[in-house]
Amino acid sequence: MKKQNAVFYFIILLVFLILVFSITFYYSNLTGKIVKDINNYTFTKAVCNDSNYCEDYEVSCEGNNLVSFTPTGAVTQLGNDWKDPRDKKLIERLC
């Protein structure tokens, strides 16, 4: 009899905890807060001149709007025979 009571109370406690966690996650809107900031993103972009001197920049965007364009300090001088593999649209695009 004591074992049956212990199992019964354990099941009731387990159901109660599952219910509490379910309600907490449902009302906390976790995915809503994450999706809200999906339009803010940052990436690095190499900007090269005609002599193949390239400098890396950190680009921050909000949607299609440029927020910041900051040099990272990383630079390289590529050989005269180097050709940028990116197409013109990708080279010029920021956000």
Protein backbone atom coordinates (compact mmCIF):
# COMPACT_ATOMS: atom_id res chain seq x y z
CA MET A 1 0.00 0.00 0.00
CA LYS A 2 2.81 2.45 0.83
CA LYS A 3 4.50 1.69 -2.48
CA GLN A 4 1.29 2.43 -4.40
CA ASN A 5 0.87 5.74 -2.55
CA ALA A 6 4.47 6.72 -3.31
CA VAL A 7 4.03 5.93 -7.02
CA PHE A 8 0.74 7.86 -7.09
CA TYR A 9 2.29 10.95 -5.46
CA PHE A 10 5.32 10.72 -7.75
CA ILE A 11 3.07 10.68 -10.84
CA ILE A 12 1.02 13.62 -9.53
CA LEU A 13 4.23 15.57 -8.85
CA LEU A 14 5.59 14.74 -12.30
CA VAL A 15 2.37 15.86 -14.02
CA PHE A 16 2.38 19.07 -11.97
CA LEU A 17 6.00 19.87 -12.92
CA ILE A 18 5.34 19.20 -16.60
CA LEU A 19 2.30 21.47 -16.45
CA VAL A 20 4.25 24.27 -14.74
CA PHE A 21 7.13 24.10 -17.26
CA SER A 22 4.71 23.99 -20.19
CA ILE A 23 2.83 27.06 -19.01
CA THR A 24 6.07 28.92 -18.27
CA PHE A 25 7.50 28.31 -21.74
CA TYR A 26 4.19 29.06 -23.45
CA TYR A 27 3.85 32.48 -21.83
CA SER A 28 7.53 33.45 -21.93
CA ASN A 29 7.49 33.90 -25.76
CA LEU A 30 11.03 32.65 -26.16
CA THR A 31 10.85 32.32 -29.94
CA GLY A 32 9.19 35.71 -30.29
CA LYS A 33 12.15 37.42 -28.65
CA ILE A 34 14.65 35.57 -30.82
CA VAL A 35 12.85 36.25 -34.12
CA LYS A 36 12.52 39.94 -33.26
CA ASP A 37 16.29 40.46 -33.68
CA ILE A 38 16.70 38.36 -36.82
CA ASN A 39 17.10 41.47 -39.01
CA ASN A 40 20.25 42.53 -37.12
CA TYR A 41 23.35 40.81 -38.45
CA THR A 42 27.10 41.33 -38.75
CA PHE A 43 29.66 39.86 -41.13
CA THR A 44 33.13 40.61 -42.48
CA LYS A 45 33.80 41.73 -46.03
CA ALA A 46 37.04 42.12 -47.96
CA VAL A 47 37.33 45.34 -49.95
CA CYS A 48 40.03 45.28 -52.64
CA ASN A 49 41.41 48.03 -54.86
CA ASP A 50 42.79 47.81 -58.42
CA SER A 51 46.26 46.74 -57.22
CA ASN A 52 44.76 43.76 -55.27
CA TYR A 53 45.36 45.37 -51.89
CA CYS A 54 42.49 44.05 -49.74
CA GLU A 55 41.28 45.25 -46.35
CA ASP A 56 38.76 43.44 -44.17
CA TYR A 57 35.76 45.32 -42.76
CA GLU A 58 33.09 44.41 -40.23
CA VAL A 59 29.68 45.23 -41.69
CA SER A 60 26.67 45.60 -39.36
CA CYS A 61 23.17 45.76 -40.81
CA GLU A 62 19.58 46.17 -39.67
CA GLY A 63 17.53 44.63 -42.43
CA ASN A 64 18.75 46.33 -45.62
CA ASN A 65 20.18 49.37 -43.79
CA LEU A 66 23.90 49.77 -43.11
CA VAL A 67 24.58 50.45 -39.41
CA SER A 68 28.38 50.41 -39.38
CA PHE A 69 31.31 49.71 -41.70
CA THR A 70 34.41 49.32 -39.51
CA PRO A 71 37.92 48.22 -40.57
CA THR A 72 39.13 45.14 -38.70
CA GLY A 73 42.81 45.89 -39.28
CA ALA A 74 43.35 42.75 -41.38
CA VAL A 75 44.97 43.53 -44.75
CA THR A 76 46.66 41.57 -47.50
CA GLN A 77 48.41 42.29 -50.77
CA LEU A 78 47.52 39.67 -53.36
CA GLY A 79 49.49 38.89 -56.50
CA ASN A 80 48.92 40.67 -59.83
CA ASP A 81 47.40 37.52 -61.33
CA TRP A 82 44.74 37.20 -58.58
CA LYS A 83 41.13 37.68 -59.71
CA ASP A 84 38.30 38.19 -57.23
CA PRO A 85 36.01 35.12 -57.52
CA ARG A 86 32.96 37.10 -56.39
CA ASP A 87 30.65 38.55 -59.01
CA LYS A 88 30.27 42.35 -59.24
CA LYS A 89 26.89 42.35 -57.47
CA LEU A 90 28.31 40.48 -54.45
CA ILE A 91 31.39 42.71 -54.32
CA GLU A 92 29.30 45.91 -54.21
CA ARG A 93 26.49 44.65 -51.95
CA LEU A 94 26.61 45.57 -48.27
CA CYS A 95 23.29 44.72 -46.62
